[in-house]
Amino acid sequence: LPSGRVTEDDIARTLGLSNRTLQRRLAEEGKSFGDILQTTRRELAKSYLRESQLSINEIAYLLGFSEQANFTRACKRWFGQAPSEYRRQLTEAV
C-alpha cells in the first residue's frame, strides 16, 4: 500500500492469475477487489491508530493515501470520526 495505487492487475499477477480469473474467484465468494481493499485499509487503520508512536500522516502514507486529508475522509466514512478522535477513543478504552 505505501508504494501507491494497488491494482487488481498487480494482485492477479502476484497470485499467478489472469485478472478475469481473479474477478471470477472473488465473485464466487461474493466479494470484489474494491471491497477487499477497503476492508484491508480499514482494519490496518484500526491497528495503526492503536499504535500511538505512528503519526496520522505516517499512517496515511502506510495505507497508500496520497494526502492526509483523504485518509481523514476515509476514517470519517469508516468510523464516523476523524483519525485523531478515533485514536483517542481507542486509547481511552484500553
PDB file of N, CA and C in Angstrom:
ATOM      1  N   LEU A   1       0.789  -1.211   0.000  1.00  0.00           N
ATOM      2  CA  LEU A   1       0.000   0.000   0.000  1.00  0.00           C
ATOM      3  C   LEU A   1       0.837   1.284   0.000  1.00  0.00           C
ATOM      4  N   PRO A   2       1.941   1.361   0.741  1.00  0.00           N
ATOM      5  CA  PRO A   2       2.700   2.610   0.738  1.00  0.00           C
ATOM      6  C   PRO A   2       3.261   2.991  -0.629  1.00  0.00           C
ATOM      7  N   SER A   3       3.422   2.024  -1.499  1.00  0.00           N
ATOM      8  CA  SER A   3       4.002   2.332  -2.806  1.00  0.00           C
ATOM      9  C   SER A   3       3.024   3.075  -3.709  1.00  0.00           C
ATOM     10  N   GLY A   4       1.806   3.225  -3.281  1.00  0.00           N
ATOM     11  CA  GLY A   4       0.828   3.949  -4.088  1.00  0.00           C
ATOM     12  C   GLY A   4      -0.364   3.093  -4.423  1.00  0.00           C
ATOM     13  N   ARG A   5      -0.860   3.270  -5.590  1.00  0.00           N
ATOM     14  CA  ARG A   5      -2.088   2.618  -6.040  1.00  0.00           C
ATOM     15  C   ARG A   5      -1.893   1.114  -6.177  1.00  0.00           C
ATOM     16  N   VAL A   6      -2.743   0.365  -5.514  1.00  0.00           N
ATOM     17  CA  VAL A   6      -2.752  -1.090  -5.626  1.00  0.00           C
ATOM     18  C   VAL A   6      -3.814  -1.439  -6.660  1.00  0.00           C
ATOM     19  N   THR A   7      -3.420  -2.190  -7.674  1.00  0.00           N
ATOM     20  CA  THR A   7      -4.385  -2.513  -8.722  1.00  0.00           C
ATOM     21  C   THR A   7      -4.733  -3.991  -8.709  1.00  0.00           C
ATOM     22  N   GLU A   8      -5.883  -4.276  -9.244  1.00  0.00           N
ATOM     23  CA  GLU A   8      -6.339  -5.652  -9.378  1.00  0.00           C
ATOM     24  C   GLU A   8      -5.375  -6.448 -10.264  1.00  0.00           C
ATOM     25  N   ASP A   9      -4.866  -5.805 -11.305  1.00  0.00           N
ATOM     26  CA  ASP A   9      -3.910  -6.464 -12.197  1.00  0.00           C
ATOM     27  C   ASP A   9      -2.642  -6.869 -11.445  1.00  0.00           C
ATOM     28  N   ASP A  10      -2.145  -5.977 -10.579  1.00  0.00           N
ATOM     29  CA  ASP A  10      -0.941  -6.286  -9.795  1.00  0.00           C
ATOM     30  C   ASP A  10      -1.167  -7.499  -8.899  1.00  0.00           C
ATOM     31  N   ILE A  11      -2.299  -7.533  -8.240  1.00  0.00           N
ATOM     32  CA  ILE A  11      -2.605  -8.636  -7.321  1.00  0.00           C
ATOM     33  C   ILE A  11      -2.771  -9.939  -8.104  1.00  0.00           C
ATOM     34  N   ALA A  12      -3.495  -9.879  -9.226  1.00  0.00           N
ATOM     35  CA  ALA A  12      -3.679 -11.075 -10.054  1.00  0.00           C
ATOM     36  C   ALA A  12      -2.332 -11.612 -10.518  1.00  0.00           C
ATOM     37  N   ARG A  13      -1.466 -10.724 -10.986  1.00  0.00           N
ATOM     38  CA  ARG A  13      -0.139 -11.143 -11.466  1.00  0.00           C
ATOM     39  C   ARG A  13       0.663 -11.777 -10.332  1.00  0.00           C
ATOM     40  N   THR A  14       0.609 -11.169  -9.143  1.00  0.00           N
ATOM     41  CA  THR A  14       1.328 -11.706  -7.980  1.00  0.00           C
ATOM     42  C   THR A  14       0.831 -13.104  -7.632  1.00  0.00           C
ATOM     43  N   LEU A  15      -0.467 -13.327  -7.797  1.00  0.00           N
ATOM     44  CA  LEU A  15      -1.057 -14.639  -7.493  1.00  0.00           C
ATOM     45  C   LEU A  15      -0.925 -15.626  -8.651  1.00  0.00           C
ATOM     46  N   GLY A  16      -0.390 -15.170  -9.769  1.00  0.00           N
ATOM     47  CA  GLY A  16      -0.237 -16.047 -10.932  1.00  0.00           C
ATOM     48  C   GLY A  16      -1.549 -16.318 -11.636  1.00  0.00           C
ATOM     49  N   LEU A  17      -2.466 -15.353 -11.580  1.00  0.00           N
ATOM     50  CA  LEU A  17      -3.781 -15.496 -12.202  1.00  0.00           C
ATOM     51  C   LEU A  17      -3.983 -14.398 -13.235  1.00  0.00           C
ATOM     52  N   SER A  18      -4.914 -14.647 -14.137  1.00  0.00           N
ATOM     53  CA  SER A  18      -5.333 -13.554 -15.013  1.00  0.00           C
ATOM     54  C   SER A  18      -6.280 -12.665 -14.210  1.00  0.00           C
ATOM     55  N   ASN A  19      -6.429 -11.458 -14.669  1.00  0.00           N
ATOM     56  CA  ASN A  19      -7.328 -10.529 -13.992  1.00  0.00           C
ATOM     57  C   ASN A  19      -8.755 -11.096 -13.970  1.00  0.00           C
ATOM     58  N   ARG A  20      -9.182 -11.656 -15.069  1.00  0.00           N
ATOM     59  CA  ARG A  20     -10.539 -12.215 -15.174  1.00  0.00           C
ATOM     60  C   ARG A  20     -10.729 -13.393 -14.216  1.00  0.00           C
ATOM     61  N   THR A  21      -9.722 -14.252 -14.083  1.00  0.00           N
ATOM     62  CA  THR A  21      -9.818 -15.383 -13.163  1.00  0.00           C
ATOM     63  C   THR A  21      -9.933 -14.889 -11.728  1.00  0.00           C
ATOM     64  N   LEU A  22      -9.157 -13.885 -11.378  1.00  0.00           N
ATOM     65  CA  LEU A  22      -9.259 -13.305 -10.039  1.00  0.00           C
ATOM     66  C   LEU A  22     -10.660 -12.748  -9.817  1.00  0.00           C
ATOM     67  N   GLN A  23     -11.186 -12.028 -10.782  1.00  0.00           N
ATOM     68  CA  GLN A  23     -12.537 -11.473 -10.656  1.00  0.00           C
ATOM     69  C   GLN A  23     -13.580 -12.573 -10.474  1.00  0.00           C
ATOM     70  N   ARG A  24     -13.459 -13.641 -11.248  1.00  0.00           N
ATOM     71  CA  ARG A  24     -14.411 -14.763 -11.139  1.00  0.00           C
ATOM     72  C   ARG A  24     -14.353 -15.400  -9.762  1.00  0.00           C
ATOM     73  N   ARG A  25     -13.126 -15.628  -9.281  1.00  0.00           N
ATOM     74  CA  ARG A  25     -12.974 -16.265  -7.966  1.00  0.00           C
ATOM     75  C   ARG A  25     -13.503 -15.383  -6.844  1.00  0.00           C
ATOM     76  N   LEU A  26     -13.262 -14.098  -6.950  1.00  0.00           N
ATOM     77  CA  LEU A  26     -13.805 -13.180  -5.943  1.00  0.00           C
ATOM     78  C   LEU A  26     -15.329 -13.164  -6.003  1.00  0.00           C
ATOM     79  N   ALA A  27     -15.878 -13.164  -7.226  1.00  0.00           N
ATOM     80  CA  ALA A  27     -17.337 -13.160  -7.393  1.00  0.00           C
ATOM     81  C   ALA A  27     -17.957 -14.424  -6.799  1.00  0.00           C
ATOM     82  N   GLU A  28     -17.259 -15.550  -6.938  1.00  0.00           N
ATOM     83  CA  GLU A  28     -17.751 -16.808  -6.347  1.00  0.00           C
ATOM     84  C   GLU A  28     -17.882 -16.700  -4.833  1.00  0.00           C
ATOM     85  N   GLU A  29     -17.046 -15.860  -4.236  1.00  0.00           N
ATOM     86  CA  GLU A  29     -17.070 -15.648  -2.781  1.00  0.00           C
ATOM     87  C   GLU A  29     -17.948 -14.463  -2.397  1.00  0.00           C
ATOM     88  N   GLY A  30     -18.566 -13.831  -3.396  1.00  0.00           N
ATOM     89  CA  GLY A  30     -19.406 -12.674  -3.130  1.00  0.00           C
ATOM     90  C   GLY A  30     -18.622 -11.432  -2.757  1.00  0.00           C
ATOM     91  N   LYS A  31     -17.403 -11.355  -3.241  1.00  0.00           N
ATOM     92  CA  LYS A  31     -16.505 -10.235  -2.916  1.00  0.00           C
ATOM     93  C   LYS A  31     -16.104  -9.506  -4.188  1.00  0.00           C
ATOM     94  N   SER A  32     -15.599  -8.291  -3.997  1.00  0.00           N
ATOM     95  CA  SER A  32     -14.986  -7.557  -5.104  1.00  0.00           C
ATOM     96  C   SER A  32     -13.621  -7.074  -4.634  1.00  0.00           C
ATOM     97  N   PHE A  33     -12.766  -6.783  -5.578  1.00  0.00           N
ATOM     98  CA  PHE A  33     -11.428  -6.299  -5.243  1.00  0.00           C
ATOM     99  C   PHE A  33     -11.519  -5.014  -4.424  1.00  0.00           C
ATOM    100  N   GLY A  34     -12.385  -4.102  -4.842  1.00  0.00           N
ATOM    101  CA  GLY A  34     -12.543  -2.838  -4.131  1.00  0.00           C
ATOM    102  C   GLY A  34     -12.989  -3.034  -2.687  1.00  0.00           C
ATOM    103  N   ASP A  35     -13.917  -3.961  -2.474  1.00  0.00           N
ATOM    104  CA  ASP A  35     -14.381  -4.250  -1.106  1.00  0.00           C
ATOM    105  C   ASP A  35     -13.235  -4.769  -0.237  1.00  0.00           C
ATOM    106  N   ILE A  36     -12.464  -5.671  -0.787  1.00  0.00           N
ATOM    107  CA  ILE A  36     -11.351  -6.258  -0.030  1.00  0.00           C
ATOM    108  C   ILE A  36     -10.299  -5.192   0.276  1.00  0.00           C
ATOM    109  N   LEU A  37     -10.016  -4.345  -0.695  1.00  0.00           N
ATOM    110  CA  LEU A  37      -9.033  -3.283  -0.485  1.00  0.00           C
ATOM    111  C   LEU A  37      -9.499  -2.338   0.623  1.00  0.00           C
ATOM    112  N   GLN A  38     -10.762  -1.935   0.586  1.00  0.00           N
ATOM    113  CA  GLN A  38     -11.285  -1.028   1.610  1.00  0.00           C
ATOM    114  C   GLN A  38     -11.304  -1.682   2.990  1.00  0.00           C
ATOM    115  N   THR A  39     -11.695  -2.946   3.055  1.00  0.00           N
ATOM    116  CA  THR A  39     -11.708  -3.667   4.332  1.00  0.00           C
ATOM    117  C   THR A  39     -10.293  -3.776   4.892  1.00  0.00           C
ATOM    118  N   THR A  40      -9.330  -4.073   4.037  1.00  0.00           N
ATOM    119  CA  THR A  40      -7.933  -4.190   4.461  1.00  0.00           C
ATOM    120  C   THR A  40      -7.424  -2.854   4.984  1.00  0.00           C
ATOM    121  N   ARG A  41      -7.693  -1.793   4.248  1.00  0.00           N
ATOM    122  CA  ARG A  41      -7.263  -0.468   4.700  1.00  0.00           C
ATOM    123  C   ARG A  41      -7.900  -0.104   6.041  1.00  0.00           C
ATOM    124  N   ARG A  42      -9.204  -0.377   6.186  1.00  0.00           N
ATOM    125  CA  ARG A  42      -9.910  -0.047   7.427  1.00  0.00           C
ATOM    126  C   ARG A  42      -9.326  -0.810   8.612  1.00  0.00           C
ATOM    127  N   GLU A  43      -9.098  -2.106   8.444  1.00  0.00           N
ATOM    128  CA  GLU A  43      -8.554  -2.907   9.539  1.00  0.00           C
ATOM    129  C   GLU A  43      -7.123  -2.509   9.883  1.00  0.00           C
ATOM    130  N   LEU A  44      -6.327  -2.203   8.856  1.00  0.00           N
ATOM    131  CA  LEU A  44      -4.966  -1.719   9.115  1.00  0.00           C
ATOM    132  C   LEU A  44      -4.999  -0.364   9.812  1.00  0.00           C
ATOM    133  N   ALA A  45      -5.935   0.495   9.412  1.00  0.00           N
ATOM    134  CA  ALA A  45      -6.056   1.802  10.059  1.00  0.00           C
ATOM    135  C   ALA A  45      -6.349   1.631  11.544  1.00  0.00           C
ATOM    136  N   LYS A  46      -7.267   0.729  11.886  1.00  0.00           N
ATOM    137  CA  LYS A  46      -7.566   0.463  13.301  1.00  0.00           C
ATOM    138  C   LYS A  46      -6.305   0.049  14.044  1.00  0.00           C
ATOM    139  N   SER A  47      -5.588  -0.872  13.462  1.00  0.00           N
ATOM    140  CA  SER A  47      -4.375  -1.382  14.088  1.00  0.00           C
ATOM    141  C   SER A  47      -3.329  -0.283  14.246  1.00  0.00           C
ATOM    142  N   TYR A  48      -3.093   0.475  13.179  1.00  0.00           N
ATOM    143  CA  TYR A  48      -2.093   1.536  13.233  1.00  0.00           C
ATOM    144  C   TYR A  48      -2.477   2.641  14.202  1.00  0.00           C
ATOM    145  N   LEU A  49      -3.765   2.966  14.289  1.00  0.00           N
ATOM    146  CA  LEU A  49      -4.204   4.029  15.193  1.00  0.00           C
ATOM    147  C   LEU A  49      -4.041   3.624  16.655  1.00  0.00           C
ATOM    148  N   ARG A  50      -4.063   2.337  16.922  1.00  0.00           N
ATOM    149  CA  ARG A  50      -3.797   1.855  18.285  1.00  0.00           C
ATOM    150  C   ARG A  50      -2.336   2.070  18.662  1.00  0.00           C
ATOM    151  N   GLU A  51      -1.454   2.041  17.662  1.00  0.00           N
ATOM    152  CA  GLU A  51      -0.017   2.218  17.879  1.00  0.00           C
ATOM    153  C   GLU A  51       0.289   3.710  17.915  1.00  0.00           C
ATOM    154  N   SER A  52       0.297   4.270  19.099  1.00  0.00           N
ATOM    155  CA  SER A  52       0.387   5.718  19.237  1.00  0.00           C
ATOM    156  C   SER A  52       1.707   6.308  18.746  1.00  0.00           C
ATOM    157  N   GLN A  53       2.731   5.486  18.516  1.00  0.00           N
ATOM    158  CA  GLN A  53       4.000   6.036  18.051  1.00  0.00           C
ATOM    159  C   GLN A  53       3.947   6.450  16.581  1.00  0.00           C
ATOM    160  N   LEU A  54       2.940   6.015  15.847  1.00  0.00           N
ATOM    161  CA  LEU A  54       2.806   6.408  14.444  1.00  0.00           C
ATOM    162  C   LEU A  54       1.972   7.676  14.344  1.00  0.00           C
ATOM    163  N   SER A  55       2.454   8.647  13.573  1.00  0.00           N
ATOM    164  CA  SER A  55       1.671   9.868  13.373  1.00  0.00           C
ATOM    165  C   SER A  55       0.532   9.575  12.392  1.00  0.00           C
ATOM    166  N   ILE A  56      -0.456  10.432  12.388  1.00  0.00           N
ATOM    167  CA  ILE A  56      -1.576  10.295  11.452  1.00  0.00           C
ATOM    168  C   ILE A  56      -1.051  10.366  10.021  1.00  0.00           C
ATOM    169  N   ASN A  57      -0.107  11.234   9.771  1.00  0.00           N
ATOM    170  CA  ASN A  57       0.476  11.359   8.435  1.00  0.00           C
ATOM    171  C   ASN A  57       1.194  10.071   8.020  1.00  0.00           C
ATOM    172  N   GLU A  58       1.930   9.460   8.955  1.00  0.00           N
ATOM    173  CA  GLU A  58       2.612   8.190   8.653  1.00  0.00           C
ATOM    174  C   GLU A  58       1.600   7.090   8.343  1.00  0.00           C
ATOM    175  N   ILE A  59       0.531   7.050   9.085  1.00  0.00           N
ATOM    176  CA  ILE A  59      -0.500   6.033   8.858  1.00  0.00           C
ATOM    177  C   ILE A  59      -1.126   6.230   7.477  1.00  0.00           C
ATOM    178  N   ALA A  60      -1.434   7.472   7.136  1.00  0.00           N
ATOM    179  CA  ALA A  60      -1.998   7.758   5.810  1.00  0.00           C
ATOM    180  C   ALA A  60      -1.065   7.238   4.723  1.00  0.00           C
ATOM    181  N   TYR A  61       0.232   7.479   4.877  1.00  0.00           N
ATOM    182  CA  TYR A  61       1.223   7.003   3.910  1.00  0.00           C
ATOM    183  C   TYR A  61       1.246   5.475   3.844  1.00  0.00           C
ATOM    184  N   LEU A  62       1.277   4.830   5.009  1.00  0.00           N
ATOM    185  CA  LEU A  62       1.332   3.364   5.054  1.00  0.00           C
ATOM    186  C   LEU A  62       0.123   2.719   4.385  1.00  0.00           C
ATOM    187  N   LEU A  63      -1.011   3.405   4.427  1.00  0.00           N
ATOM    188  CA  LEU A  63      -2.230   2.872   3.820  1.00  0.00           C
ATOM    189  C   LEU A  63      -2.381   3.253   2.352  1.00  0.00           C
ATOM    190  N   GLY A  64      -1.405   4.007   1.832  1.00  0.00           N
ATOM    191  CA  GLY A  64      -1.411   4.346   0.407  1.00  0.00           C
ATOM    192  C   GLY A  64      -2.228   5.568   0.047  1.00  0.00           C
ATOM    193  N   PHE A  65      -2.572   6.400   1.025  1.00  0.00           N
ATOM    194  CA  PHE A  65      -3.291   7.639   0.722  1.00  0.00           C
ATOM    195  C   PHE A  65      -2.285   8.700   0.291  1.00  0.00           C
ATOM    196  N   SER A  66      -2.609   9.428  -0.763  1.00  0.00           N
ATOM    197  CA  SER A  66      -1.691  10.442  -1.267  1.00  0.00           C
ATOM    198  C   SER A  66      -1.682  11.683  -0.386  1.00  0.00           C
ATOM    199  N   GLU A  67      -2.757  11.923   0.334  1.00  0.00           N
ATOM    200  CA  GLU A  67      -2.876  13.088   1.208  1.00  0.00           C
ATOM    201  C   GLU A  67      -3.502  12.668   2.530  1.00  0.00           C
ATOM    202  N   GLN A  68      -3.082  13.312   3.595  1.00  0.00           N
ATOM    203  CA  GLN A  68      -3.669  13.024   4.905  1.00  0.00           C
ATOM    204  C   GLN A  68      -5.164  13.339   4.901  1.00  0.00           C
ATOM    205  N   ALA A  69      -5.567  14.360   4.157  1.00  0.00           N
ATOM    206  CA  ALA A  69      -6.986  14.735   4.086  1.00  0.00           C
ATOM    207  C   ALA A  69      -7.828  13.585   3.532  1.00  0.00           C
ATOM    208  N   ASN A  70      -7.288  12.842   2.564  1.00  0.00           N
ATOM    209  CA  ASN A  70      -8.015  11.688   2.013  1.00  0.00           C
ATOM    210  C   ASN A  70      -8.187  10.615   3.070  1.00  0.00           C
ATOM    211  N   PHE A  71      -7.155  10.403   3.879  1.00  0.00           N
ATOM    212  CA  PHE A  71      -7.233   9.432   4.976  1.00  0.00           C
ATOM    213  C   PHE A  71      -8.264   9.885   6.012  1.00  0.00           C
ATOM    214  N   THR A  72      -8.273  11.171   6.308  1.00  0.00           N
ATOM    215  CA  THR A  72      -9.242  11.694   7.273  1.00  0.00           C
ATOM    216  C   THR A  72     -10.669  11.463   6.777  1.00  0.00           C
ATOM    217  N   ARG A  73     -10.918  11.717   5.501  1.00  0.00           N
ATOM    218  CA  ARG A  73     -12.255  11.465   4.935  1.00  0.00           C
ATOM    219  C   ARG A  73     -12.615   9.987   5.019  1.00  0.00           C
ATOM    220  N   ALA A  74     -11.648   9.124   4.734  1.00  0.00           N
ATOM    221  CA  ALA A  74     -11.910   7.680   4.813  1.00  0.00           C
ATOM    222  C   ALA A  74     -12.239   7.279   6.250  1.00  0.00           C
ATOM    223  N   CYS A  75     -11.513   7.815   7.219  1.00  0.00           N
ATOM    224  CA  CYS A  75     -11.791   7.494   8.633  1.00  0.00           C
ATOM    225  C   CYS A  75     -13.181   7.947   9.035  1.00  0.00           C
ATOM    226  N   LYS A  76     -13.578   9.114   8.577  1.00  0.00           N
ATOM    227  CA  LYS A  76     -14.924   9.594   8.899  1.00  0.00           C
ATOM    228  C   LYS A  76     -15.988   8.677   8.303  1.00  0.00           C
ATOM    229  N   ARG A  77     -15.719   8.133   7.123  1.00  0.00           N
ATOM    230  CA  ARG A  77     -16.645   7.195   6.488  1.00  0.00           C
ATOM    231  C   ARG A  77     -16.652   5.858   7.237  1.00  0.00           C
ATOM    232  N   TRP A  78     -15.459   5.370   7.628  1.00  0.00           N
ATOM    233  CA  TRP A  78     -15.347   4.070   8.296  1.00  0.00           C
ATOM    234  C   TRP A  78     -15.796   4.097   9.748  1.00  0.00           C
ATOM    235  N   PHE A  79     -15.341   5.113  10.489  1.00  0.00           N
ATOM    236  CA  PHE A  79     -15.512   5.128  11.944  1.00  0.00           C
ATOM    237  C   PHE A  79     -16.432   6.228  12.450  1.00  0.00           C
ATOM    238  N   GLY A  80     -16.846   7.132  11.550  1.00  0.00           N
ATOM    239  CA  GLY A  80     -17.712   8.226  11.950  1.00  0.00           C
ATOM    240  C   GLY A  80     -16.985   9.359  12.654  1.00  0.00           C
ATOM    241  N   GLN A  81     -15.660   9.345  12.618  1.00  0.00           N
ATOM    242  CA  GLN A  81     -14.878  10.403  13.249  1.00  0.00           C
ATOM    243  C   GLN A  81     -13.496  10.505  12.626  1.00  0.00           C
ATOM    244  N   ALA A  82     -12.853  11.629  12.890  1.00  0.00           N
ATOM    245  CA  ALA A  82     -11.501  11.862  12.376  1.00  0.00           C
ATOM    246  C   ALA A  82     -10.528  10.882  13.023  1.00  0.00           C
ATOM    247  N   PRO A  83      -9.393  10.615  12.381  1.00  0.00           N
ATOM    248  CA  PRO A  83      -8.443   9.643  12.926  1.00  0.00           C
ATOM    249  C   PRO A  83      -7.956   9.987  14.334  1.00  0.00           C
ATOM    250  N   SER A  84      -7.701  11.257  14.600  1.00  0.00           N
ATOM    251  CA  SER A  84      -7.223  11.624  15.939  1.00  0.00           C
ATOM    252  C   SER A  84      -8.286  11.366  17.001  1.00  0.00           C
ATOM    253  N   GLU A  85      -9.543  11.615  16.677  1.00  0.00           N
ATOM    254  CA  GLU A  85     -10.639  11.334  17.613  1.00  0.00           C
ATOM    255  C   GLU A  85     -10.800   9.830  17.830  1.00  0.00           C
ATOM    256  N   TYR A  86     -10.718   9.077  16.728  1.00  0.00           N
ATOM    257  CA  TYR A  86     -10.845   7.626  16.839  1.00  0.00           C
ATOM    258  C   TYR A  86      -9.688   7.053  17.658  1.00  0.00           C
ATOM    259  N   ARG A  87      -8.487   7.569  17.444  1.00  0.00           N
ATOM    260  CA  ARG A  87      -7.317   7.132  18.209  1.00  0.00           C
ATOM    261  C   ARG A  87      -7.541   7.391  19.699  1.00  0.00           C
ATOM    262  N   ARG A  88      -8.016   8.567  20.012  1.00  0.00           N
ATOM    263  CA  ARG A  88      -8.262   8.919  21.411  1.00  0.00           C
ATOM    264  C   ARG A  88      -9.281   7.955  22.031  1.00  0.00           C
ATOM    265  N   GLN A  89     -10.320   7.627  21.285  1.00  0.00           N
ATOM    266  CA  GLN A  89     -11.333   6.670  21.756  1.00  0.00           C
ATOM    267  C   GLN A  89     -10.714   5.288  21.995  1.00  0.00           C
ATOM    268  N   LEU A  90      -9.862   4.857  21.080  1.00  0.00           N
ATOM    269  CA  LEU A  90      -9.216   3.550  21.230  1.00  0.00           C
ATOM    270  C   LEU A  90      -8.307   3.498  22.451  1.00  0.00           C
ATOM    271  N   THR A  91      -7.548   4.557  22.679  1.00  0.00           N
ATOM    272  CA  THR A  91      -6.610   4.549  23.802  1.00  0.00           C
ATOM    273  C   THR A  91      -7.337   4.704  25.133  1.00  0.00           C
ATOM    274  N   GLU A  92      -8.468   5.392  25.153  1.00  0.00           N
ATOM    275  CA  GLU A  92      -9.245   5.518  26.389  1.00  0.00           C
ATOM    276  C   GLU A  92      -9.903   4.195  26.767  1.00  0.00           C
ATOM    277  N   ALA A  93     -10.217   3.380  25.770  1.00  0.00           N
ATOM    278  CA  ALA A  93     -10.880   2.103  26.011  1.00  0.00           C
ATOM    279  C   ALA A  93      -9.934   1.062  26.597  1.00  0.00           C
ATOM    280  N   VAL A  94      -8.625   1.298  26.495  1.00  0.00           N
ATOM    281  CA  VAL A  94      -7.623   0.323  26.960  1.00  0.00           C
ATOM    282  C   VAL A  94      -7.402   0.422  28.430  1.00  0.00           C
TER     283      VAL A  94
END
